[in-house]
Amino acid sequence: MTNKIEINWKGQMSFESIAPEGNIMIDAAEAVGGQGKGLRPKAMMLTALGGCTAMDVASLLKKMRAEVDDFKIEVEANLTDEHPKFYDVVKVTYRFFGKEFKKDKIEKAVNLSVDRYCGVMEMFRGFAKIETEIIYIEQ
């Protein structure tokens, strides 16, 4: 299967990414000639990683009957100093909100995403060290 997107220039440092599923704006910071009206490419990479594992976890929690009230994923990455700058260490923190957590099932869902299902996570492993953490917040 092949995925394909198209990038259209909208002037200055602004671009629109057009994919079969929808469009997203890309822009640079004002300091480098942009208007700050879209995501930066590196932020989109972290968004792709967080979104990929979030979808896995949501699906797996439902199948395992281990629903939570809410969950959030924070992706934090260290950017190297030298050009080309890239992420060399990435930490993915899973925050689950609720009561009476089925922690064994939640941890299994996260681990299945991290180790088996999330293709974006596997791509990141090609250039970065991946760290994960699970935090439970009782409500």
N, C-alpha and C. Protein backbone atom coordinates (compact mmCIF):
# COMPACT_ATOMS: atom_id res chain seq x y z
N MET A 1 0.85 -1.18 0.00
CA MET A 1 0.00 0.00 0.00
C MET A 1 0.89 1.24 0.00
N THR A 2 0.52 2.21 -0.78
CA THR A 2 1.27 3.47 -0.86
C THR A 2 0.40 4.60 -0.34
N ASN A 3 0.99 5.45 0.48
CA ASN A 3 0.32 6.67 0.92
C ASN A 3 0.88 7.83 0.14
N LYS A 4 0.04 8.82 -0.14
CA LYS A 4 0.50 9.96 -0.90
C LYS A 4 -0.19 11.22 -0.38
N ILE A 5 0.60 12.29 -0.25
CA ILE A 5 0.07 13.59 0.10
C ILE A 5 0.61 14.60 -0.90
N GLU A 6 0.03 15.78 -0.89
CA GLU A 6 0.50 16.86 -1.75
C GLU A 6 0.71 18.09 -0.89
N ILE A 7 1.80 18.80 -1.10
CA ILE A 7 2.10 20.03 -0.36
C ILE A 7 1.97 21.20 -1.33
N ASN A 8 1.08 22.15 -1.00
CA ASN A 8 0.87 23.32 -1.84
C ASN A 8 1.34 24.58 -1.11
N TRP A 9 2.15 25.37 -1.80
CA TRP A 9 2.68 26.61 -1.25
C TRP A 9 1.57 27.65 -1.19
N LYS A 10 1.44 28.30 -0.04
CA LYS A 10 0.42 29.33 0.16
C LYS A 10 1.04 30.71 0.34
N GLY A 11 2.34 30.85 0.02
CA GLY A 11 3.02 32.13 0.18
C GLY A 11 3.88 32.14 1.42
N GLN A 12 4.95 32.92 1.37
CA GLN A 12 5.92 33.03 2.46
C GLN A 12 6.36 31.62 2.87
N MET A 13 6.17 31.27 4.13
CA MET A 13 6.57 29.95 4.63
C MET A 13 5.35 29.08 4.95
N SER A 14 4.23 29.40 4.35
CA SER A 14 2.98 28.70 4.61
C SER A 14 2.68 27.68 3.51
N PHE A 15 2.28 26.48 3.94
CA PHE A 15 1.96 25.40 3.01
C PHE A 15 0.72 24.67 3.50
N GLU A 16 0.01 24.05 2.57
CA GLU A 16 -1.12 23.21 2.93
C GLU A 16 -0.81 21.78 2.51
N SER A 17 -0.92 20.87 3.46
CA SER A 17 -0.75 19.45 3.17
C SER A 17 -2.13 18.88 2.88
N ILE A 18 -2.26 18.27 1.72
CA ILE A 18 -3.55 17.70 1.31
C ILE A 18 -3.40 16.18 1.24
N ALA A 19 -4.21 15.52 2.05
CA ALA A 19 -4.22 14.06 2.11
C ALA A 19 -5.64 13.58 1.82
N PRO A 20 -5.80 12.33 1.46
CA PRO A 20 -7.16 11.83 1.21
C PRO A 20 -8.09 12.03 2.41
N GLU A 21 -7.54 12.01 3.62
CA GLU A 21 -8.35 12.10 4.83
C GLU A 21 -8.64 13.53 5.26
N GLY A 22 -7.91 14.50 4.72
CA GLY A 22 -8.12 15.89 5.13
C GLY A 22 -6.88 16.73 4.89
N ASN A 23 -6.97 17.98 5.25
CA ASN A 23 -5.88 18.94 5.02
C ASN A 23 -5.38 19.50 6.34
N ILE A 24 -4.13 19.96 6.33
CA ILE A 24 -3.54 20.60 7.50
C ILE A 24 -2.58 21.68 7.04
N MET A 25 -2.55 22.76 7.77
CA MET A 25 -1.67 23.87 7.43
C MET A 25 -0.32 23.69 8.13
N ILE A 26 0.72 24.06 7.38
CA ILE A 26 2.10 24.01 7.88
C ILE A 26 2.65 25.42 7.75
N ASP A 27 3.31 25.92 8.78
CA ASP A 27 3.89 27.25 8.72
C ASP A 27 5.09 27.32 9.64
N ALA A 28 5.94 28.29 9.38
CA ALA A 28 7.13 28.50 10.19
C ALA A 28 6.86 29.60 11.22
N ALA A 29 7.76 29.72 12.16
CA ALA A 29 7.68 30.78 13.17
C ALA A 29 7.93 32.13 12.51
N GLU A 30 7.42 33.17 13.12
CA GLU A 30 7.62 34.52 12.59
C GLU A 30 9.10 34.88 12.51
N ALA A 31 9.89 34.36 13.43
CA ALA A 31 11.32 34.67 13.47
C ALA A 31 12.06 34.21 12.21
N VAL A 32 11.49 33.25 11.50
CA VAL A 32 12.15 32.75 10.28
C VAL A 32 11.29 32.97 9.04
N GLY A 33 10.41 33.97 9.09
CA GLY A 33 9.66 34.34 7.90
C GLY A 33 8.26 33.79 7.79
N GLY A 34 7.81 33.06 8.78
CA GLY A 34 6.46 32.52 8.76
C GLY A 34 5.49 33.41 9.49
N GLN A 35 4.27 32.95 9.57
CA GLN A 35 3.23 33.69 10.29
C GLN A 35 2.70 32.90 11.49
N GLY A 36 3.26 31.72 11.71
CA GLY A 36 2.82 30.90 12.84
C GLY A 36 1.38 30.42 12.72
N LYS A 37 0.89 30.22 11.49
CA LYS A 37 -0.51 29.85 11.27
C LYS A 37 -0.68 28.37 10.93
N GLY A 38 0.25 27.56 11.35
CA GLY A 38 0.15 26.12 11.11
C GLY A 38 1.18 25.39 11.96
N LEU A 39 1.08 24.09 11.93
CA LEU A 39 2.05 23.27 12.66
C LEU A 39 3.40 23.30 11.97
N ARG A 40 4.45 23.17 12.75
CA ARG A 40 5.79 23.03 12.20
C ARG A 40 5.98 21.55 11.84
N PRO A 41 6.81 21.24 10.87
CA PRO A 41 7.00 19.83 10.47
C PRO A 41 7.41 18.91 11.62
N LYS A 42 8.32 19.35 12.48
CA LYS A 42 8.75 18.47 13.57
C LYS A 42 7.63 18.25 14.58
N ALA A 43 6.79 19.27 14.81
CA ALA A 43 5.64 19.09 15.69
C ALA A 43 4.65 18.10 15.09
N MET A 44 4.55 18.10 13.76
CA MET A 44 3.66 17.14 13.10
C MET A 44 4.18 15.72 13.30
N MET A 45 5.48 15.55 13.34
CA MET A 45 6.02 14.22 13.60
C MET A 45 5.61 13.73 14.98
N LEU A 46 5.73 14.60 15.99
CA LEU A 46 5.34 14.21 17.35
C LEU A 46 3.83 13.97 17.42
N THR A 47 3.06 14.77 16.68
CA THR A 47 1.62 14.58 16.62
C THR A 47 1.28 13.22 16.01
N ALA A 48 1.99 12.84 14.96
CA ALA A 48 1.76 11.54 14.32
C ALA A 48 2.06 10.41 15.29
N LEU A 49 3.14 10.54 16.05
CA LEU A 49 3.50 9.50 17.02
C LEU A 49 2.44 9.41 18.11
N GLY A 50 2.07 10.54 18.69
CA GLY A 50 1.06 10.54 19.74
C GLY A 50 -0.29 10.04 19.25
N GLY A 51 -0.68 10.46 18.06
CA GLY A 51 -1.95 10.04 17.51
C GLY A 51 -2.00 8.56 17.20
N CYS A 52 -0.91 8.04 16.69
CA CYS A 52 -0.83 6.62 16.34
C CYS A 52 -1.02 5.74 17.58
N THR A 53 -0.25 6.03 18.61
CA THR A 53 -0.34 5.20 19.81
C THR A 53 -1.65 5.45 20.54
N ALA A 54 -2.21 6.66 20.48
CA ALA A 54 -3.50 6.96 21.12
C ALA A 54 -4.61 6.12 20.50
N MET A 55 -4.62 6.03 19.18
CA MET A 55 -5.65 5.23 18.51
C MET A 55 -5.54 3.76 18.87
N ASP A 56 -4.30 3.26 18.91
CA ASP A 56 -4.09 1.86 19.33
C ASP A 56 -4.65 1.63 20.72
N VAL A 57 -4.24 2.48 21.66
CA VAL A 57 -4.62 2.30 23.06
C VAL A 57 -6.13 2.39 23.23
N ALA A 58 -6.77 3.37 22.59
CA ALA A 58 -8.22 3.51 22.71
C ALA A 58 -8.93 2.25 22.21
N SER A 59 -8.49 1.73 21.08
CA SER A 59 -9.09 0.53 20.51
C SER A 59 -8.86 -0.68 21.42
N LEU A 60 -7.63 -0.83 21.90
CA LEU A 60 -7.30 -1.98 22.75
C LEU A 60 -8.03 -1.93 24.09
N LEU A 61 -8.13 -0.74 24.69
CA LEU A 61 -8.84 -0.63 25.97
C LEU A 61 -10.30 -1.04 25.81
N LYS A 62 -10.90 -0.66 24.70
CA LYS A 62 -12.30 -1.04 24.47
C LYS A 62 -12.42 -2.55 24.31
N LYS A 63 -11.53 -3.15 23.50
CA LYS A 63 -11.58 -4.60 23.29
C LYS A 63 -11.34 -5.37 24.59
N MET A 64 -10.47 -4.83 25.45
CA MET A 64 -10.13 -5.50 26.71
C MET A 64 -11.12 -5.19 27.83
N ARG A 65 -12.11 -4.36 27.53
CA ARG A 65 -13.07 -3.91 28.54
C ARG A 65 -12.35 -3.30 29.74
N ALA A 66 -11.42 -2.42 29.44
CA ALA A 66 -10.65 -1.73 30.48
C ALA A 66 -10.76 -0.22 30.28
N GLU A 67 -11.99 0.24 29.98
CA GLU A 67 -12.19 1.65 29.70
C GLU A 67 -11.79 2.52 30.88
N VAL A 68 -11.38 3.73 30.56
CA VAL A 68 -11.03 4.73 31.56
C VAL A 68 -11.92 5.95 31.30
N ASP A 69 -11.99 6.88 32.26
CA ASP A 69 -12.79 8.09 32.06
C ASP A 69 -12.20 8.96 30.96
N ASP A 70 -10.88 9.02 30.92
CA ASP A 70 -10.18 9.86 29.95
C ASP A 70 -8.73 9.42 29.91
N PHE A 71 -8.04 9.75 28.83
CA PHE A 71 -6.59 9.59 28.83
C PHE A 71 -5.97 10.62 27.90
N LYS A 72 -4.76 10.97 28.24
CA LYS A 72 -4.00 11.95 27.47
C LYS A 72 -2.60 11.41 27.25
N ILE A 73 -2.03 11.79 26.14
CA ILE A 73 -0.66 11.38 25.83
C ILE A 73 0.17 12.63 25.61
N GLU A 74 1.30 12.68 26.28
CA GLU A 74 2.24 13.78 26.10
C GLU A 74 3.49 13.21 25.43
N VAL A 75 3.91 13.86 24.36
CA VAL A 75 5.12 13.44 23.66
C VAL A 75 6.12 14.58 23.76
N GLU A 76 7.25 14.28 24.37
CA GLU A 76 8.31 15.28 24.56
C GLU A 76 9.58 14.73 23.92
N ALA A 77 10.26 15.58 23.16
CA ALA A 77 11.41 15.09 22.41
C ALA A 77 12.59 16.04 22.53
N ASN A 78 13.77 15.47 22.58
CA ASN A 78 15.00 16.25 22.60
C ASN A 78 15.49 16.45 21.17
N LEU A 79 15.71 17.69 20.80
CA LEU A 79 16.19 18.04 19.47
C LEU A 79 17.71 18.23 19.53
N THR A 80 18.42 17.59 18.63
CA THR A 80 19.88 17.72 18.61
C THR A 80 20.27 19.16 18.29
N ASP A 81 21.50 19.52 18.63
CA ASP A 81 21.99 20.90 18.43
C ASP A 81 22.48 21.17 17.02
N GLU A 82 23.05 20.15 16.39
CA GLU A 82 23.69 20.34 15.08
C GLU A 82 22.72 20.04 13.93
N HIS A 83 22.91 20.72 12.83
CA HIS A 83 22.10 20.47 11.62
C HIS A 83 22.58 19.21 10.92
N PRO A 84 21.72 18.38 10.38
CA PRO A 84 20.27 18.54 10.45
C PRO A 84 19.76 18.16 11.84
N LYS A 85 19.00 19.05 12.46
CA LYS A 85 18.49 18.80 13.80
C LYS A 85 17.40 17.74 13.74
N PHE A 86 17.48 16.77 14.64
CA PHE A 86 16.48 15.70 14.69
C PHE A 86 16.27 15.29 16.13
N TYR A 87 15.21 14.53 16.37
CA TYR A 87 14.91 14.04 17.71
C TYR A 87 15.75 12.81 17.98
N ASP A 88 16.53 12.86 19.07
CA ASP A 88 17.34 11.69 19.41
C ASP A 88 16.79 10.92 20.61
N VAL A 89 16.00 11.58 21.45
CA VAL A 89 15.34 10.92 22.57
C VAL A 89 13.90 11.42 22.61
N VAL A 90 12.95 10.48 22.69
CA VAL A 90 11.53 10.83 22.71
C VAL A 90 10.88 10.12 23.90
N LYS A 91 10.16 10.90 24.70
CA LYS A 91 9.44 10.32 25.84
C LYS A 91 7.94 10.44 25.59
N VAL A 92 7.25 9.31 25.72
CA VAL A 92 5.80 9.27 25.55
C VAL A 92 5.20 8.95 26.92
N THR A 93 4.41 9.89 27.45
CA THR A 93 3.77 9.72 28.75
C THR A 93 2.28 9.53 28.56
N TYR A 94 1.77 8.44 29.09
CA TYR A 94 0.35 8.12 29.02
C TYR A 94 -0.26 8.46 30.37
N ARG A 95 -1.27 9.33 30.40
CA ARG A 95 -1.96 9.70 31.63
C ARG A 95 -3.40 9.20 31.55
N PHE A 96 -3.74 8.32 32.48
CA PHE A 96 -5.09 7.75 32.52
C PHE A 96 -5.85 8.32 33.71
N PHE A 97 -7.10 8.70 33.46
CA PHE A 97 -7.94 9.31 34.48
C PHE A 97 -9.13 8.41 34.75
N GLY A 98 -9.46 8.22 36.03
CA GLY A 98 -10.62 7.41 36.38
C GLY A 98 -10.51 6.84 37.78
N LYS A 99 -11.25 5.75 37.99
CA LYS A 99 -11.27 5.05 39.28
C LYS A 99 -11.15 3.56 39.00
N GLU A 100 -10.63 2.85 39.96
CA GLU A 100 -10.55 1.39 39.88
C GLU A 100 -9.98 0.93 38.53
N PHE A 101 -8.78 1.40 38.26
CA PHE A 101 -8.11 1.07 37.01
C PHE A 101 -7.82 -0.43 36.90
N LYS A 102 -7.99 -0.97 35.73
CA LYS A 102 -7.55 -2.33 35.44
C LYS A 102 -6.13 -2.21 34.91
N LYS A 103 -5.20 -1.97 35.84
CA LYS A 103 -3.83 -1.59 35.47
C LYS A 103 -3.15 -2.65 34.61
N ASP A 104 -3.40 -3.93 34.87
CA ASP A 104 -2.75 -4.96 34.05
C ASP A 104 -3.18 -4.85 32.60
N LYS A 105 -4.46 -4.61 32.36
CA LYS A 105 -4.96 -4.49 30.99
C LYS A 105 -4.51 -3.18 30.34
N ILE A 106 -4.49 -2.12 31.11
CA ILE A 106 -4.05 -0.82 30.57
C ILE A 106 -2.59 -0.92 30.16
N GLU A 107 -1.77 -1.51 31.01
CA GLU A 107 -0.34 -1.65 30.69
C GLU A 107 -0.14 -2.58 29.50
N LYS A 108 -0.95 -3.61 29.39
CA LYS A 108 -0.86 -4.51 28.24
C LYS A 108 -1.23 -3.75 26.96
N ALA A 109 -2.27 -2.92 27.01
CA ALA A 109 -2.68 -2.14 25.84
C ALA A 109 -1.57 -1.19 25.40
N VAL A 110 -0.97 -0.49 26.36
CA VAL A 110 0.12 0.44 26.04
C VAL A 110 1.30 -0.32 25.45
N ASN A 111 1.67 -1.42 26.08
CA ASN A 111 2.81 -2.19 25.60
C ASN A 111 2.57 -2.78 24.21
N LEU A 112 1.36 -3.22 23.93
CA LEU A 112 1.05 -3.73 22.59
C LEU A 112 1.20 -2.62 21.55
N SER A 113 0.75 -1.44 21.89
CA SER A 113 0.91 -0.32 20.96
C SER A 113 2.38 0.00 20.74
N VAL A 114 3.11 0.14 21.84
CA VAL A 114 4.53 0.53 21.78
C VAL A 114 5.37 -0.52 21.06
N ASP A 115 5.14 -1.79 21.37
CA ASP A 115 6.02 -2.85 20.88
C ASP A 115 5.55 -3.52 19.59
N ARG A 116 4.26 -3.40 19.26
CA ARG A 116 3.76 -4.20 18.14
C ARG A 116 2.96 -3.43 17.09
N TYR A 117 2.02 -2.59 17.53
CA TYR A 117 1.06 -2.05 16.57
C TYR A 117 1.39 -0.68 15.99
N CYS A 118 1.99 0.20 16.76
CA CYS A 118 2.17 1.59 16.30
C CYS A 118 3.33 1.69 15.30
N GLY A 119 2.99 1.79 14.03
CA GLY A 119 4.00 1.89 12.99
C GLY A 119 4.83 3.16 13.08
N VAL A 120 4.22 4.25 13.54
CA VAL A 120 4.98 5.49 13.69
C VAL A 120 6.04 5.33 14.78
N MET A 121 5.69 4.62 15.85
CA MET A 121 6.66 4.34 16.92
C MET A 121 7.84 3.56 16.35
N GLU A 122 7.57 2.59 15.51
CA GLU A 122 8.63 1.80 14.89
C GLU A 122 9.51 2.68 14.00
N MET A 123 8.91 3.61 13.28
CA MET A 123 9.71 4.52 12.45
C MET A 123 10.63 5.38 13.32
N PHE A 124 10.10 5.88 14.44
CA PHE A 124 10.89 6.70 15.34
C PHE A 124 12.08 5.92 15.90
N ARG A 125 11.89 4.61 16.13
CA ARG A 125 12.99 3.79 16.66
C ARG A 125 14.21 3.81 15.74
N GLY A 126 14.00 4.13 14.47
CA GLY A 126 15.11 4.18 13.53
C GLY A 126 16.08 5.31 13.79
N PHE A 127 15.66 6.32 14.56
CA PHE A 127 16.55 7.46 14.79
C PHE A 127 16.54 7.98 16.21
N ALA A 128 15.67 7.44 17.08
CA ALA A 128 15.57 7.98 18.44
C ALA A 128 15.42 6.87 19.47
N LYS A 129 15.86 7.17 20.67
CA LYS A 129 15.61 6.30 21.82
C LYS A 129 14.21 6.65 22.33
N ILE A 130 13.37 5.64 22.49
CA ILE A 130 11.99 5.85 22.94
C ILE A 130 11.87 5.47 24.41
N GLU A 131 11.30 6.38 25.19
CA GLU A 131 11.01 6.11 26.60
C GLU A 131 9.50 6.24 26.79
N THR A 132 8.92 5.40 27.67
CA THR A 132 7.50 5.50 27.93
C THR A 132 7.25 5.51 29.44
N GLU A 133 6.13 6.11 29.81
CA GLU A 133 5.73 6.16 31.23
C GLU A 133 4.20 6.14 31.27
N ILE A 134 3.67 5.43 32.27
CA ILE A 134 2.22 5.39 32.48
C ILE A 134 1.93 6.02 33.85
N ILE A 135 1.01 6.96 33.86
CA ILE A 135 0.61 7.64 35.11
C ILE A 135 -0.89 7.48 35.27
N TYR A 136 -1.31 7.11 36.49
CA TYR A 136 -2.73 6.95 36.80
C TYR A 136 -3.17 8.10 37.69
N ILE A 137 -4.27 8.76 37.33
CA ILE A 137 -4.79 9.88 38.10
C ILE A 137 -6.20 9.52 38.55
N GLU A 138 -6.33 9.27 39.86
CA GLU A 138 -7.63 8.91 40.43
C GLU A 138 -8.52 10.14 40.47
N GLN A 139 -9.78 9.95 40.04
CA GLN A 139 -10.73 11.08 40.06
C GLN A 139 -11.91 10.77 40.94
